[in-house]
Amino acid sequence: AVWVPAEYRATAELTGATLVERAAVVTTHLAEMVRRHASRLLSLDDTRELLEVLKAERPAAVEELVPALLPLSSLQKVLQALLDEQVSIRDLGRVLEGVGQRARTTTDADALLEAARMALGPALTSQYVSNGVLHAITFDPQMEAELAEGLRASEQGVVIALDPLSANRLVTDLGALVSGAENVGLSPVLLTAGPLRLPVRRLIRGAFPQLPVIAFGETAGIGSIETVGQVSRGEFVARG
């Protein structure tokens, strides 16, 4: 895009250019920034207000979860994690149902997040489907096995322990596949086994903050999945 002086508007239109007002450009940019950083903007008070709105329609769903099973701060972290992955929390009732069922057996933050995602079902993945097709990048089976061997518990949740060279190669290979798909007009997701979904997301989020990482179990109801690339095993090494 380029800035066009007002006196050249008519000329630009004759060339077939799409013209956007300055105010619209700024508004669109700010809206995108808010969307990308919504997880940081969701405060504890915001979470309480969302629950109060939902409580007017579904009081039982709210009261059974907060504070009976979870403190408000724990629910806030689940919602922040969803937003961090660009997942809408508009259907808060369904999110609470999924979290509530899982919270009866565990308060682990990772488990609650995955339960919330599963509760959203097709609504979670539909945004990534184009003309009925989900375009996906996958790992080859051997590499998935290597990554699974590298799973380790940490203060930040379960992570994948790879040596730096292996991690850099994964990011480089994945980046090439993402760029290749985008160059032909596709918006791919990274599709992986359920236990690896969140650890993989943590591994690549610095390099690919906007790349959706989807578990195979979250693709139910999608008519067609087309693999547009596969990250091969190579010489990846899990750290002990």
Protein backbone atom coordinates (compact mmCIF):
# COMPACT_ATOMS: atom_id res chain seq x y z
CA ALA A 1 0.00 0.00 0.00
CA VAL A 2 1.09 3.57 -0.61
CA TRP A 3 -0.17 6.94 0.55
CA VAL A 4 -1.87 8.87 -2.28
CA PRO A 5 -2.35 12.67 -2.07
CA ALA A 6 -6.02 13.65 -2.24
CA GLU A 7 -5.56 15.43 -5.57
CA TYR A 8 -4.52 12.12 -7.19
CA ARG A 9 -7.58 10.22 -5.99
CA ALA A 10 -9.34 10.26 -9.35
CA THR A 11 -6.19 9.15 -11.16
CA ALA A 12 -5.68 6.27 -8.73
CA GLU A 13 -9.28 5.15 -9.18
CA LEU A 14 -8.84 5.09 -12.97
CA THR A 15 -5.92 2.67 -12.57
CA GLY A 16 -8.16 0.27 -10.67
CA ALA A 17 -6.51 0.83 -7.29
CA THR A 18 -8.54 0.20 -4.14
CA LEU A 19 -8.68 3.39 -2.08
CA VAL A 20 -9.07 3.39 1.69
CA GLU A 21 -9.60 6.46 3.84
CA ARG A 22 -6.86 7.32 6.35
CA ALA A 23 -9.22 6.93 9.30
CA ALA A 24 -10.18 3.44 8.12
CA VAL A 25 -6.51 2.45 7.86
CA VAL A 26 -5.81 3.58 11.42
CA THR A 27 -8.98 1.95 12.77
CA THR A 28 -8.23 -1.33 11.03
CA HIS A 29 -4.66 -1.31 12.32
CA LEU A 30 -5.74 -0.63 15.90
CA ALA A 31 -8.40 -3.35 15.72
CA GLU A 32 -5.78 -5.83 14.54
CA MET A 33 -3.42 -4.86 17.34
CA VAL A 34 -6.20 -5.31 19.90
CA ARG A 35 -7.05 -8.72 18.44
CA ARG A 36 -3.44 -9.88 18.52
CA HIS A 37 -2.87 -8.70 22.09
CA ALA A 38 -6.33 -9.38 23.52
CA SER A 39 -4.90 -11.87 26.00
CA ARG A 40 -2.84 -9.13 27.65
CA LEU A 41 -5.82 -6.79 27.77
CA LEU A 42 -8.19 -9.23 29.51
CA SER A 43 -7.99 -8.26 33.18
CA LEU A 44 -9.46 -9.98 36.20
CA ASP A 45 -12.18 -7.33 36.33
CA ASP A 46 -12.97 -7.91 32.66
CA THR A 47 -13.34 -11.63 33.36
CA ARG A 48 -15.71 -10.91 36.23
CA GLU A 49 -17.82 -8.64 34.02
CA LEU A 50 -18.04 -11.31 31.32
CA LEU A 51 -19.27 -13.80 33.90
CA GLU A 52 -21.85 -11.35 35.22
CA VAL A 53 -23.28 -10.94 31.73
CA LEU A 54 -23.38 -14.70 31.20
CA LYS A 55 -24.82 -15.27 34.66
CA ALA A 56 -28.00 -13.41 33.69
CA GLU A 57 -28.65 -16.05 31.02
CA ARG A 58 -27.00 -19.17 32.47
CA PRO A 59 -26.59 -18.74 36.22
CA ALA A 60 -26.02 -22.44 36.92
CA ALA A 61 -23.10 -22.68 34.47
CA VAL A 62 -21.33 -19.80 36.20
CA GLU A 63 -22.08 -20.69 39.82
CA GLU A 64 -21.04 -24.32 39.45
CA LEU A 65 -17.62 -23.32 38.14
CA VAL A 66 -16.61 -20.05 39.84
CA PRO A 67 -15.75 -20.16 42.67
CA ALA A 68 -17.00 -23.69 43.42
CA LEU A 69 -14.42 -25.47 41.25
CA LEU A 70 -12.03 -22.74 40.13
CA PRO A 71 -10.97 -19.32 41.36
CA LEU A 72 -11.66 -16.45 39.02
CA SER A 73 -7.94 -16.03 38.32
CA SER A 74 -7.69 -19.59 36.96
CA LEU A 75 -10.57 -19.01 34.56
CA GLN A 76 -8.93 -15.76 33.49
CA LYS A 77 -5.77 -17.68 32.56
CA VAL A 78 -7.78 -20.13 30.44
CA LEU A 79 -9.50 -17.28 28.58
CA GLN A 80 -6.17 -15.49 28.11
CA ALA A 81 -4.64 -18.67 26.70
CA LEU A 82 -7.52 -19.02 24.22
CA LEU A 83 -7.17 -15.41 23.12
CA ASP A 84 -3.41 -15.82 22.81
CA GLU A 85 -4.10 -18.50 20.20
CA GLN A 86 -6.60 -16.24 18.39
CA VAL A 87 -9.56 -18.33 19.59
CA SER A 88 -12.77 -16.39 20.12
CA ILE A 89 -14.34 -16.52 23.59
CA ARG A 90 -17.71 -15.16 22.45
CA ASP A 91 -19.32 -18.53 23.18
CA LEU A 92 -18.34 -18.22 26.83
CA GLY A 93 -21.07 -20.59 27.95
CA ARG A 94 -19.62 -23.46 25.97
CA VAL A 95 -16.12 -22.62 27.20
CA LEU A 96 -17.35 -22.78 30.80
CA GLU A 97 -19.05 -26.12 30.19
CA GLY A 98 -15.82 -27.67 28.90
CA VAL A 99 -13.71 -26.16 31.66
CA GLY A 100 -16.27 -27.12 34.31
CA GLN A 101 -16.31 -30.78 33.34
CA ARG A 102 -12.52 -30.99 33.36
CA ALA A 103 -12.15 -28.97 36.57
CA ARG A 104 -13.95 -31.72 38.48
CA THR A 105 -10.86 -33.90 38.12
CA THR A 106 -7.97 -31.45 37.71
CA THR A 107 -7.04 -27.80 37.94
CA ASP A 108 -4.04 -28.15 35.63
CA ALA A 109 -3.98 -25.08 33.37
CA ASP A 110 -2.99 -27.03 30.24
CA ALA A 111 -5.75 -29.59 30.74
CA LEU A 112 -8.36 -26.86 31.26
CA LEU A 113 -7.25 -25.05 28.10
CA GLU A 114 -7.50 -28.19 25.98
CA ALA A 115 -10.92 -28.95 27.49
CA ALA A 116 -12.13 -25.47 26.55
CA ARG A 117 -10.90 -25.95 22.99
CA MET A 118 -12.61 -29.32 22.66
CA ALA A 119 -15.85 -27.83 23.98
CA LEU A 120 -15.83 -25.21 21.22
CA GLY A 121 -15.74 -28.00 18.66
CA PRO A 122 -16.22 -27.03 14.99
CA ALA A 123 -16.48 -23.36 15.91
CA LEU A 124 -12.78 -23.44 16.76
CA THR A 125 -11.56 -24.77 13.41
CA SER A 126 -14.19 -23.38 11.03
CA GLN A 127 -12.35 -20.07 10.76
CA TYR A 128 -9.40 -21.86 9.17
CA VAL A 129 -11.44 -23.71 6.52
CA SER A 130 -11.46 -22.28 2.99
CA ASN A 131 -14.04 -23.54 0.50
CA GLY A 132 -14.61 -26.60 2.68
CA VAL A 133 -10.91 -27.48 2.86
CA LEU A 134 -8.48 -27.24 5.77
CA HIS A 135 -4.97 -26.72 4.42
CA ALA A 136 -2.52 -28.27 6.84
CA ILE A 137 1.17 -28.71 7.44
CA THR A 138 2.03 -31.87 9.38
CA PHE A 139 5.01 -33.65 10.94
CA ASP A 140 6.08 -36.98 9.57
CA PRO A 141 5.38 -39.89 11.97
CA GLN A 142 9.01 -40.43 12.93
CA MET A 143 9.43 -36.81 13.81
CA GLU A 144 6.26 -36.78 15.89
CA ALA A 145 7.70 -39.71 17.82
CA GLU A 146 10.95 -37.78 18.39
CA LEU A 147 9.03 -34.73 19.60
CA ALA A 148 6.93 -36.88 21.92
CA GLU A 149 10.12 -38.26 23.48
CA GLY A 150 11.19 -34.70 24.22
CA LEU A 151 8.11 -33.79 26.25
CA ARG A 152 9.07 -32.42 29.66
CA ALA A 153 7.12 -30.84 32.52
CA SER A 154 8.12 -27.29 33.41
CA GLU A 155 6.84 -24.32 35.38
CA GLN A 156 5.26 -23.06 32.14
CA GLY A 157 3.53 -26.38 31.50
CA VAL A 158 4.61 -29.26 29.27
CA VAL A 159 7.30 -28.26 26.77
CA ILE A 160 9.40 -30.00 24.13
CA ALA A 161 13.09 -30.16 25.01
CA LEU A 162 15.13 -29.94 21.81
CA ASP A 163 18.74 -29.01 21.38
CA PRO A 164 19.16 -25.53 19.82
CA LEU A 165 20.23 -26.80 16.40
CA SER A 166 17.22 -29.08 16.13
CA ALA A 167 14.86 -26.34 17.25
CA ASN A 168 16.32 -23.90 14.71
CA ARG A 169 16.04 -26.44 11.93
CA LEU A 170 12.42 -27.16 12.79
CA VAL A 171 11.59 -23.46 12.70
CA THR A 172 13.46 -22.99 9.40
CA ASP A 173 11.79 -25.96 7.70
CA LEU A 174 8.37 -24.97 9.01
CA GLY A 175 8.90 -21.39 7.86
CA ALA A 176 9.69 -22.54 4.32
CA LEU A 177 6.49 -24.59 4.20
CA VAL A 178 4.36 -21.75 5.57
CA SER A 179 5.82 -19.29 3.07
CA GLY A 180 5.29 -21.72 0.21
CA ALA A 181 1.63 -22.14 1.10
CA GLU A 182 1.07 -18.42 1.55
CA ASN A 183 2.74 -17.69 -1.80
CA VAL A 184 -0.05 -19.60 -3.54
CA GLY A 185 -2.77 -17.88 -1.54
CA LEU A 186 -3.29 -20.46 1.21
CA SER A 187 -3.49 -19.91 4.98
CA PRO A 188 -2.23 -23.17 6.48
CA VAL A 189 -2.51 -24.54 9.98
CA LEU A 190 -0.05 -26.85 11.72
CA LEU A 191 -1.79 -30.15 12.42
CA THR A 192 -0.38 -32.49 15.05
CA ALA A 193 -1.21 -35.18 17.58
CA GLY A 194 -3.24 -34.08 20.59
CA PRO A 195 -0.56 -34.45 23.31
CA LEU A 196 1.88 -32.45 21.18
CA ARG A 197 -0.45 -29.58 20.25
CA LEU A 198 0.21 -27.22 23.14
CA PRO A 199 3.94 -28.06 23.57
CA VAL A 200 4.46 -27.50 19.82
CA ARG A 201 2.61 -24.21 20.07
CA ARG A 202 4.96 -23.14 22.87
CA LEU A 203 7.97 -24.23 20.85
CA ILE A 204 7.13 -22.19 17.72
CA ARG A 205 5.12 -19.25 19.07
CA GLY A 206 8.12 -16.92 19.05
CA ALA A 207 8.73 -17.48 15.33
CA PHE A 208 5.10 -18.03 14.26
CA PRO A 209 2.76 -16.23 16.69
CA GLN A 210 -0.11 -16.23 14.19
CA LEU A 211 0.21 -19.83 12.94
CA PRO A 212 -2.70 -21.92 14.30
CA VAL A 213 -1.66 -25.23 15.85
CA ILE A 214 -4.53 -27.70 15.68
CA ALA A 215 -4.86 -31.22 17.08
CA PHE A 216 -6.19 -34.00 14.88
CA GLY A 217 -9.02 -34.48 17.37
CA GLU A 218 -10.16 -30.91 16.78
CA THR A 219 -10.83 -31.49 13.06
CA ALA A 220 -14.04 -33.48 13.49
CA GLY A 221 -16.68 -32.25 11.07
CA ILE A 222 -14.25 -30.80 8.56
CA GLY A 223 -15.12 -32.10 5.12
CA SER A 224 -11.65 -32.20 3.63
CA ILE A 225 -8.08 -31.84 4.91
CA GLU A 226 -5.37 -31.18 2.35
CA THR A 227 -1.74 -31.57 3.38
CA VAL A 228 0.28 -28.76 1.82
CA GLY A 229 3.61 -29.71 3.39
CA GLN A 230 5.29 -32.01 5.88
CA VAL A 231 8.15 -31.27 8.23
CA SER A 232 10.45 -34.27 7.97
CA ARG A 233 12.34 -35.91 10.80
CA GLY A 234 15.90 -35.11 9.70
CA GLU A 235 18.30 -35.26 12.60
CA PHE A 236 16.24 -33.82 15.43
CA VAL A 237 17.53 -34.64 18.86
CA ALA A 238 15.55 -34.48 22.08
CA ARG A 239 17.46 -33.21 25.09
CA GLY A 240 17.69 -35.46 28.11
